[in-house]
Amino acid sequence: MKSEQPMFDKYITKLEKEIGKTFKSSKFNIDGWDYDNHARFELNENNEIIKLKINDAGLDSVPEVIFEIESLTELSLENNNISELPEKVANLKNLRFLNLAYNNFEFFPEDLSSCDKLETIILSENKIKSLPCEIKNVKSLLELNLSGNRFEVLPECINNYVRISYLNLSQCGLKKLPSQFANLKNLQELDLSNNEFTEVPEEICKLPLLYRLYLNGNKISELRSELFKIEKLEFLNIGFNKISEIPCSVGDMNQIRTLILDYNEIKYLPEEISRLKTLRKLDLSGNKSGVFYPEISGIISLRELNLMGNAIKQIPKEIIDLPLLKVLLLMDNKISEIPDEIFELHELVHLELGMNYIIKIPESISKAVNLEVLSLASNNLKVLPAEISKLKNLKKLDLSGNSLEFLPAFILDLELPLSLETKEEGIILQNNPIDYPPREVIKKGYKAVKKFFKKNS
């Protein structure tokens, strides 16, 4: 007796016929918010479809067969031409994750309130101009991404979204928040980047569980002291604004781990910033301060420091006071000399000194034994010290855009690939006037250069 066609096979056959696209069964990650362009499905142990992805398929509507798949828990229809969801979406009683980004929705699909288990909705980059109060009926909703729409104003009933822990409202044209926003007591992660705020909304300073906040890309010129008193805050990005002064209350952040202040107008820091004992990453790039902020040396917990593009002329010897530093980014400054103390940072694995005025690498570089990435691109180097060959953990050494006329044989001790082009790893030598070994030899790679030196030693 011929066995009945598996139910999942029936669904997939219908889908392939309806949209003219081949589906492949595969284990894939739909939980993140980056997707490939393939149509895929995933089955559970009972051969039921639980995950379905049909991105970039030119769909004008949701294929009818999808509403027959009651076992579906995760559905992605990103980058199509869908403008509405039919009432049949209520059939998807087990749906937990829905991605409708990059479609043509003008209204929030209110029928989603029938999906009792829905936890994540992604409606970014649509044409939605308002939010419904009925969202309160989606009682299981925890994560909502509405970035790239044009609300301009949030409804007063925003407090109906009270269970949400993640909310993305970036690039929505927002200028202010309604007072009821402060009632989102479960909100833990909030993205308000690239809007039209001219001040930090008072309402967000009243969110007790907020630990991750994005306010970058607005028009904020002054910071509320209350911002730094949000008790749980671990991550704060207020880069690309018009901020010139950091309040002394910055020292009150007891749990902050990442503080991003890049591309503002900050010329100095308050002494209180040294009280940030939990801070791991500090980004002050692009502020054109002209100085290496002296207060930074007191933040002994720092692992990553970015001071790119600040017109800094000198690295202070106090850099040694940051013993846990692993990543130091100082490219695009006016530095002409590297202090020995920088190589006393034994935890340092990534050092960027490109686009400066450095003419000499000190012999003390041999102490930087844990360095994995060293960029000295676009400086004025003519020679290399032999001590650089002792950096046995190096994976990338960028020497491009200097004035090196010859390549010393000891560079081969690093046992890294040689390239006259930009690469992710190896020794990068492009845009140097090297004539020894001949460029034709270097182009052939490490073995050819090694053979050349052996022959000409």
Protein backbone atom coordinates (compact mmCIF):
# COMPACT_ATOMS: atom_id res chain seq x y z
CA MET A 1 0.00 0.00 0.00
CA LYS A 2 1.39 3.36 -0.98
CA SER A 3 2.24 5.55 2.06
CA GLU A 4 0.52 8.89 2.42
CA GLN A 5 2.59 11.90 1.30
CA PRO A 6 4.16 13.56 4.38
CA MET A 7 2.29 16.70 5.37
CA PHE A 8 5.40 18.88 5.24
CA ASP A 9 6.09 17.71 1.69
CA LYS A 10 2.59 18.76 0.71
CA TYR A 11 3.09 22.24 2.11
CA ILE A 12 6.46 22.72 0.45
CA THR A 13 5.10 21.50 -2.89
CA LYS A 14 2.29 24.05 -2.63
CA LEU A 15 4.74 26.81 -1.75
CA GLU A 16 7.07 26.01 -4.62
CA LYS A 17 4.13 25.98 -7.02
CA GLU A 18 2.65 29.21 -5.65
CA ILE A 19 5.77 31.35 -5.66
CA GLY A 20 8.02 29.54 -8.11
CA LYS A 21 10.94 29.19 -5.72
CA THR A 22 12.77 26.08 -4.59
CA PHE A 23 12.81 25.32 -0.88
CA LYS A 24 15.59 23.53 0.96
CA SER A 25 15.41 21.89 4.36
CA SER A 26 18.26 23.10 6.52
CA LYS A 27 19.27 24.00 10.04
CA PHE A 28 19.43 27.78 9.96
CA ASN A 29 19.50 30.65 12.40
CA ILE A 30 16.34 32.69 12.22
CA ASP A 31 16.69 34.06 15.74
CA GLY A 32 19.17 36.70 14.71
CA TRP A 33 18.09 39.54 12.45
CA ASP A 34 20.42 38.88 9.52
CA TYR A 35 19.22 36.51 6.85
CA ASP A 36 20.53 35.03 3.64
CA ASN A 37 18.43 35.17 0.48
CA HIS A 38 17.48 31.49 0.31
CA ALA A 39 14.04 30.01 0.82
CA ARG A 40 14.39 27.51 3.62
CA PHE A 41 12.42 25.52 6.10
CA GLU A 42 13.25 23.52 9.21
CA LEU A 43 11.46 20.52 10.68
CA ASN A 44 11.02 19.25 14.22
CA GLU A 45 11.33 15.63 15.28
CA ASN A 46 7.77 14.96 14.11
CA ASN A 47 8.56 16.21 10.58
CA GLU A 48 6.44 19.31 11.13
CA ILE A 49 7.58 22.64 9.71
CA ILE A 50 8.58 24.92 12.58
CA LYS A 51 10.71 27.53 10.79
CA LEU A 52 10.08 29.06 7.38
CA LYS A 53 11.98 31.75 5.53
CA ILE A 54 10.98 33.29 2.18
CA ASN A 55 13.06 36.44 1.79
CA ASP A 56 13.59 38.45 -1.40
CA ALA A 57 10.95 36.51 -3.32
CA GLY A 58 8.94 39.41 -4.79
CA LEU A 59 5.80 38.41 -2.88
CA ASP A 60 2.84 40.81 -3.03
CA SER A 61 0.92 38.81 -0.45
CA VAL A 62 1.52 36.02 2.03
CA PRO A 63 1.13 32.60 0.35
CA GLU A 64 -2.16 31.05 1.51
CA VAL A 65 -0.59 27.69 2.32
CA ILE A 66 1.44 29.29 5.14
CA PHE A 67 -1.73 29.73 7.19
CA GLU A 68 -2.26 25.95 7.07
CA ILE A 69 1.05 25.27 8.84
CA GLU A 70 -0.14 25.45 12.43
CA SER A 71 3.16 24.04 13.73
CA LEU A 72 5.03 27.16 12.54
CA THR A 73 6.94 28.96 15.30
CA GLU A 74 9.23 31.27 13.27
CA LEU A 75 8.42 33.01 10.00
CA SER A 76 10.54 35.42 7.96
CA LEU A 77 9.16 37.23 4.89
CA GLU A 78 11.77 39.96 4.73
CA ASN A 79 12.25 42.16 1.67
CA ASN A 80 9.09 41.46 -0.30
CA ASN A 81 6.19 43.70 -1.41
CA ILE A 82 3.62 42.64 1.18
CA SER A 83 1.31 45.40 2.43
CA GLU A 84 -1.11 43.56 4.71
CA LEU A 85 -1.76 40.36 6.64
CA PRO A 86 -5.10 38.57 6.26
CA GLU A 87 -7.22 37.52 9.24
CA LYS A 88 -6.02 33.95 8.66
CA VAL A 89 -2.80 34.85 10.46
CA ALA A 90 -4.80 33.93 13.57
CA ASN A 91 -4.37 30.26 12.52
CA LEU A 92 -0.68 30.47 13.45
CA LYS A 93 -1.30 29.76 17.12
CA ASN A 94 2.30 28.67 17.78
CA LEU A 95 4.03 31.58 16.06
CA ARG A 96 6.71 33.16 18.27
CA PHE A 97 8.90 35.07 15.80
CA LEU A 98 7.75 37.14 12.79
CA ASN A 99 9.99 39.15 10.47
CA LEU A 100 8.21 41.46 8.00
CA ALA A 101 11.04 43.95 7.50
CA TYR A 102 11.47 45.74 4.16
CA ASN A 103 7.90 45.40 2.92
CA ASN A 104 5.11 47.88 2.17
CA PHE A 105 3.04 47.95 5.34
CA GLU A 106 1.38 51.32 5.96
CA PHE A 107 -0.45 50.15 9.06
CA PHE A 108 0.58 47.97 11.95
CA PRO A 109 -1.10 44.58 11.31
CA GLU A 110 -3.64 44.53 14.15
CA ASP A 111 -4.69 40.92 13.48
CA LEU A 112 -1.40 39.85 15.06
CA SER A 113 -3.20 40.30 18.38
CA SER A 114 -4.69 36.84 17.72
CA CYS A 115 -1.25 35.20 17.82
CA ASP A 116 -1.16 34.48 21.53
CA LYS A 117 2.43 33.22 21.64
CA LEU A 118 4.07 35.90 19.48
CA GLU A 119 7.20 37.19 21.23
CA THR A 120 9.14 39.01 18.48
CA ILE A 121 7.83 41.26 15.68
CA ILE A 122 10.18 42.90 13.17
CA LEU A 123 8.51 45.55 10.98
CA SER A 124 11.54 47.70 10.25
CA GLU A 125 11.81 49.65 6.99
CA ASN A 126 8.12 49.78 6.12
CA LYS A 127 5.80 52.81 5.70
CA ILE A 128 3.99 52.72 9.03
CA LYS A 129 3.01 56.14 10.37
CA SER A 130 1.13 55.25 13.57
CA LEU A 131 0.86 52.56 16.21
CA PRO A 132 -2.40 50.98 17.36
CA CYS A 133 -3.45 50.85 21.00
CA GLU A 134 -4.60 47.26 20.38
CA ILE A 135 -1.01 46.09 20.74
CA LYS A 136 -1.89 45.42 24.39
CA ASN A 137 -3.74 42.31 23.17
CA VAL A 138 -0.44 40.74 22.05
CA LYS A 139 0.20 39.75 25.63
CA SER A 140 3.29 37.64 24.91
CA LEU A 141 5.15 40.34 22.91
CA LEU A 142 8.67 40.95 24.25
CA GLU A 143 10.62 42.37 21.28
CA LEU A 144 9.44 44.95 18.74
CA ASN A 145 11.55 46.42 15.94
CA LEU A 146 9.92 49.36 14.10
CA SER A 147 13.05 51.13 12.88
CA GLY A 148 12.98 52.99 9.59
CA ASN A 149 9.28 53.88 9.69
CA ARG A 150 7.96 57.44 10.03
CA PHE A 151 5.90 57.81 13.19
CA GLU A 152 7.20 61.24 14.16
CA VAL A 153 4.84 60.99 17.16
CA LEU A 154 4.19 58.03 19.43
CA PRO A 155 0.63 57.48 20.74
CA GLU A 156 -0.27 58.23 24.36
CA CYS A 157 -1.31 54.60 24.70
CA ILE A 158 2.33 53.50 24.35
CA ASN A 159 2.03 52.23 27.93
CA ASN A 160 -0.01 49.34 26.46
CA TYR A 161 3.34 47.93 25.35
CA VAL A 162 4.28 47.44 28.99
CA ARG A 163 5.65 43.86 28.70
CA ILE A 164 8.17 44.71 25.96
CA SER A 165 11.83 44.31 26.91
CA TYR A 166 13.37 45.29 23.53
CA LEU A 167 12.15 48.26 21.46
CA ASN A 168 13.80 49.65 18.34
CA LEU A 169 12.48 53.04 17.16
CA SER A 170 15.56 54.22 15.29
CA GLN A 171 15.14 56.38 12.16
CA CYS A 172 11.50 57.16 12.87
CA GLY A 173 11.64 60.99 12.85
CA LEU A 174 10.89 61.20 16.57
CA LYS A 175 11.40 64.52 18.38
CA LYS A 176 9.96 63.63 21.78
CA LEU A 177 8.37 60.82 23.75
CA PRO A 178 4.95 60.83 25.42
CA SER A 179 4.97 60.90 29.22
CA GLN A 180 3.44 57.41 29.27
CA PHE A 181 6.68 56.04 27.82
CA ALA A 182 8.03 56.03 31.38
CA ASN A 183 5.54 53.24 32.16
CA LEU A 184 7.47 50.71 30.07
CA LYS A 185 8.96 49.31 33.25
CA ASN A 186 10.15 46.06 31.66
CA LEU A 187 12.14 47.75 28.91
CA GLN A 188 15.75 46.59 28.94
CA GLU A 189 17.05 47.61 25.52
CA LEU A 190 15.99 50.78 23.70
CA ASP A 191 17.19 52.11 20.35
CA LEU A 192 16.31 55.76 19.62
CA SER A 193 19.25 56.40 17.31
CA ASN A 194 19.07 58.61 14.21
CA ASN A 195 15.98 60.54 15.20
CA GLU A 196 15.39 64.27 15.77
CA PHE A 197 15.83 64.56 19.54
CA THR A 198 17.45 67.81 20.69
CA GLU A 199 17.62 66.67 24.31
CA VAL A 200 17.67 63.41 26.20
CA PRO A 201 14.02 62.42 26.75
CA GLU A 202 13.26 62.64 30.46
CA GLU A 203 11.05 59.55 30.22
CA ILE A 204 13.89 57.13 29.52
CA CYS A 205 15.63 58.15 32.73
CA LYS A 206 12.71 56.55 34.60
CA LEU A 207 13.11 53.05 33.14
CA PRO A 208 14.40 50.92 36.04
CA LEU A 209 15.58 47.87 34.06
CA LEU A 210 17.16 49.66 31.10
CA TYR A 211 20.65 48.27 30.50
CA ARG A 212 21.28 49.10 26.81
CA LEU A 213 20.51 52.52 25.28
CA TYR A 214 21.19 54.02 21.84
CA LEU A 215 20.81 57.80 21.41
CA ASN A 216 23.44 58.24 18.71
CA GLY A 217 22.76 60.24 15.58
CA ASN A 218 20.42 62.82 17.08
CA LYS A 219 20.82 66.58 17.69
CA ILE A 220 21.45 66.48 21.42
CA SER A 221 23.71 69.23 22.75
CA GLU A 222 23.24 68.85 26.49
CA LEU A 223 23.01 65.77 28.70
CA ARG A 224 20.72 65.35 31.67
CA SER A 225 22.54 64.32 34.83
CA GLU A 226 19.69 61.82 35.39
CA LEU A 227 20.83 59.88 32.34
CA PHE A 228 23.86 58.66 34.24
CA LYS A 229 21.78 57.62 37.22
CA ILE A 230 19.91 54.83 35.43
CA GLU A 231 20.90 52.11 37.82
CA LYS A 232 21.14 49.09 35.47
CA LEU A 233 22.71 50.85 32.48
CA GLU A 234 25.61 48.82 31.01
CA PHE A 235 25.77 50.16 27.45
CA LEU A 236 25.29 53.78 26.35
CA ASN A 237 25.82 55.15 22.84
CA ILE A 238 25.41 58.93 22.49
CA GLY A 239 27.80 59.38 19.61
CA PHE A 240 27.21 61.65 16.59
CA ASN A 241 25.44 64.41 18.50
CA LYS A 242 26.46 67.97 19.45
CA ILE A 243 27.60 67.32 23.00
CA SER A 244 30.43 69.47 24.34
CA GLU A 245 30.27 68.72 28.06
CA ILE A 246 29.89 65.53 30.08
CA PRO A 247 28.21 66.07 33.49
CA CYS A 248 30.03 65.10 36.67
CA SER A 249 27.25 62.59 37.30
CA VAL A 250 28.90 60.35 34.72
CA GLY A 251 30.79 58.93 37.69
CA ASP A 252 27.52 57.57 39.12
CA MET A 253 27.19 54.80 36.56
CA ASN A 254 27.86 51.78 38.72
CA GLN A 255 27.39 49.10 36.04
CA ILE A 256 28.45 50.78 32.80
CA ARG A 257 30.66 48.60 30.61
CA THR A 258 30.53 50.39 27.23
CA LEU A 259 30.40 54.17 26.78
CA ILE A 260 30.37 55.56 23.23
CA LEU A 261 30.80 59.33 22.85
CA ASP A 262 32.28 59.49 19.37
CA TYR A 263 31.90 62.42 16.95
CA ASN A 264 30.71 65.06 19.37
CA GLU A 265 32.49 68.23 20.46
CA ILE A 266 33.96 67.00 23.73
CA LYS A 267 37.23 68.78 24.56
CA TYR A 268 37.64 67.62 28.14
CA LEU A 269 36.26 65.04 30.57
CA PRO A 270 35.25 65.49 34.22
CA GLU A 271 37.53 63.91 36.82
CA GLU A 272 34.57 61.85 38.01
CA ILE A 273 34.83 59.62 34.93
CA SER A 274 37.74 57.86 36.64
CA ARG A 275 35.20 56.43 39.11
CA LEU A 276 33.83 54.11 36.43
CA LYS A 277 35.30 50.90 37.83
CA THR A 278 33.25 48.63 35.54
CA LEU A 279 33.95 50.44 32.24
CA ARG A 280 35.50 48.14 29.64
CA LYS A 281 35.12 50.10 26.38
CA LEU A 282 35.37 53.87 25.85
CA ASP A 283 34.99 55.48 22.42
CA LEU A 284 35.85 59.19 22.09
CA SER A 285 36.88 59.11 18.46
CA GLY A 286 36.23 62.07 16.17
CA ASN A 287 35.92 64.71 18.88
CA LYS A 288 39.00 66.63 17.65
CA SER A 289 40.02 67.34 21.22
CA GLY A 290 43.67 67.96 20.43
CA VAL A 291 44.71 66.10 23.59
CA PHE A 292 44.85 62.62 25.02
CA TYR A 293 42.21 63.12 27.73
CA PRO A 294 44.28 62.85 30.97
CA GLU A 295 41.27 61.66 33.00
CA ILE A 296 41.24 58.40 31.05
CA SER A 297 44.35 57.14 32.86
CA GLY A 298 42.23 56.75 35.99
CA ILE A 299 39.84 54.25 34.39
CA ILE A 300 41.95 51.23 35.25
CA SER A 301 39.30 48.72 34.16
CA LEU A 302 39.49 49.75 30.46
CA ARG A 303 39.98 46.99 27.89
CA GLU A 304 39.30 49.00 24.73
CA LEU A 305 40.01 52.67 24.02
CA ASN A 306 39.24 54.49 20.77
CA LEU A 307 40.72 57.98 20.29
CA MET A 308 40.82 58.01 16.51
CA GLY A 309 40.55 61.39 14.81
CA ASN A 310 41.26 63.67 17.77
CA ALA A 311 44.28 65.62 16.48
CA ILE A 312 46.35 64.18 19.37
CA LYS A 313 50.04 65.08 19.14
CA GLN A 314 51.40 63.08 22.05
CA ILE A 315 50.64 59.83 23.83
CA PRO A 316 51.24 60.45 27.55
CA LYS A 317 53.44 58.15 29.60
CA GLU A 318 50.40 57.67 31.85
CA ILE A 319 49.13 55.20 29.26
CA ILE A 320 50.92 52.66 31.44
CA ASP A 321 48.20 53.20 34.06
CA LEU A 322 45.78 51.18 31.92
CA PRO A 323 47.26 47.71 32.54
CA LEU A 324 44.23 45.75 31.27
CA LEU A 325 44.04 47.50 27.90
CA LYS A 326 43.67 45.06 25.00
CA VAL A 327 42.65 47.35 22.13
CA LEU A 328 44.08 50.84 21.57
CA LEU A 329 42.95 52.78 18.49
CA LEU A 330 44.90 55.98 17.75
CA MET A 331 44.75 56.26 13.98
CA ASP A 332 44.21 59.59 12.21
CA ASN A 333 45.94 61.81 14.78
CA LYS A 334 49.13 63.91 14.74
CA ILE A 335 51.37 61.56 16.70
CA SER A 336 55.05 61.64 15.73
CA GLU A 337 56.58 59.55 18.52
CA ILE A 338 55.60 56.26 20.18
CA PRO A 339 56.43 56.21 23.90
CA ASP A 340 58.11 53.08 25.31
CA GLU A 341 55.35 52.83 27.91
CA ILE A 342 52.82 51.76 25.31
CA PHE A 343 54.68 48.48 24.90
CA GLU A 344 54.58 47.88 28.64
CA LEU A 345 50.87 47.14 28.24
CA HIS A 346 51.26 43.39 28.28
CA GLU A 347 47.57 42.66 27.65
CA LEU A 348 47.59 44.67 24.41
CA VAL A 349 46.55 42.58 21.39
CA HIS A 350 45.42 45.27 18.92
CA LEU A 351 47.23 48.57 18.33
CA GLU A 352 46.23 51.03 15.60
CA LEU A 353 48.63 53.90 14.88
CA GLY A 354 47.91 54.46 11.20
CA MET A 355 47.54 57.91 9.60
CA ASN A 356 49.97 59.71 11.91
CA TYR A 357 53.47 61.22 11.51
CA ILE A 358 55.56 58.43 13.00
CA ILE A 359 59.09 58.11 11.61
CA LYS A 360 60.52 55.54 14.01
CA ILE A 361 59.41 52.42 15.84
CA PRO A 362 61.20 52.12 19.21
CA GLU A 363 63.16 48.98 20.02
CA SER A 364 60.93 48.49 23.04
CA ILE A 365 58.33 47.08 20.67
CA SER A 366 59.84 43.70 21.43
CA LYS A 367 58.02 43.78 24.79
CA ALA A 368 54.59 43.75 23.12
CA VAL A 369 54.68 39.98 22.91
CA ASN A 370 50.90 39.51 22.88
CA LEU A 371 50.20 41.82 19.94
CA GLU A 372 48.10 40.18 17.24
CA VAL A 373 47.23 43.24 15.13
CA LEU A 374 49.58 46.18 14.61
CA SER A 375 48.77 48.94 12.12
CA LEU A 376 51.36 51.55 11.23
CA ALA A 377 49.83 52.39 7.87
CA SER A 378 50.21 55.85 6.32
CA ASN A 379 53.10 57.14 8.43
CA ASN A 380 56.66 58.18 7.50
CA LEU A 381 58.56 54.96 8.24
CA LYS A 382 61.70 54.28 6.23
CA VAL A 383 63.19 51.43 8.26
CA LEU A 384 61.98 48.76 10.65
CA PRO A 385 63.69 47.70 13.89
CA ALA A 386 64.87 44.10 14.12
CA GLU A 387 62.95 43.80 17.40
CA ILE A 388 59.67 43.72 15.49
CA SER A 389 60.52 40.17 14.43
CA LYS A 390 60.03 39.04 18.06
CA LEU A 391 56.27 39.60 17.93
CA LYS A 392 55.50 35.94 17.39
CA ASN A 393 51.76 36.30 18.02
CA LEU A 394 51.25 38.81 15.21
CA LYS A 395 48.57 37.91 12.69
CA LYS A 396 48.47 41.22 10.88
CA LEU A 397 51.13 43.91 10.41
CA ASP A 398 49.96 46.80 8.25
CA LEU A 399 52.88 48.83 6.89
CA SER A 400 51.09 50.19 3.83
CA GLY A 401 51.51 53.80 2.77
CA ASN A 402 54.97 54.38 4.27
CA SER A 403 58.39 55.13 2.78
CA LEU A 404 60.00 51.68 3.02
CA GLU A 405 62.50 51.16 0.20
CA PHE A 406 63.67 47.71 1.25
CA LEU A 407 62.27 44.79 3.16
CA PRO A 408 64.63 43.45 5.86
CA ALA A 409 65.21 39.69 5.93
CA PHE A 410 64.29 39.47 9.63
CA ILE A 411 60.67 40.24 8.75
CA LEU A 412 60.44 36.62 7.60
CA ASP A 413 60.87 35.50 11.22
CA LEU A 414 57.23 36.49 11.74
CA GLU A 415 56.25 33.69 9.33
CA LEU A 416 53.37 35.74 7.93
CA PRO A 417 52.14 36.03 4.33
CA LEU A 418 53.45 39.06 2.43
CA SER A 419 51.17 41.16 0.25
CA LEU A 420 51.25 44.30 -1.84
CA GLU A 421 47.46 44.50 -1.52
CA THR A 422 45.05 45.05 1.36
CA LYS A 423 44.44 41.81 3.25
CA GLU A 424 42.80 40.75 6.48
CA GLU A 425 45.96 39.01 7.69
CA GLY A 426 49.69 38.97 7.03
CA ILE A 427 52.19 41.77 6.33
CA ILE A 428 50.63 44.48 4.17
CA LEU A 429 53.20 46.41 2.08
CA GLN A 430 51.19 48.24 -0.57
CA ASN A 431 52.03 51.86 -1.43
CA ASN A 432 55.67 51.67 -0.38
CA PRO A 433 58.59 52.41 -2.76
CA ILE A 434 60.11 48.97 -2.09
CA ASP A 435 62.65 47.83 -4.67
CA TYR A 436 64.45 45.15 -2.62
CA PRO A 437 63.40 42.43 -2.92
CA PRO A 438 61.94 43.27 -6.34
CA ARG A 439 58.19 43.76 -6.29
CA GLU A 440 57.79 40.84 -8.69
CA VAL A 441 59.29 38.58 -6.02
CA ILE A 442 57.09 39.97 -3.23
CA LYS A 443 54.01 39.39 -5.36
CA LYS A 444 54.83 35.69 -5.41
CA GLY A 445 54.58 35.54 -1.64
CA TYR A 446 56.47 34.44 1.44
CA LYS A 447 58.28 31.42 -0.02
CA ALA A 448 59.57 33.39 -3.02
CA VAL A 449 60.89 36.17 -0.77
CA LYS A 450 62.56 33.63 1.54
CA LYS A 451 64.21 31.98 -1.43
CA PHE A 452 65.38 35.37 -2.71
CA PHE A 453 67.05 36.29 0.61
CA LYS A 454 68.69 32.88 0.87
CA LYS A 455 70.09 33.22 -2.64
CA ASN A 456 71.31 36.78 -2.07
CA SER A 457 72.65 36.49 1.49
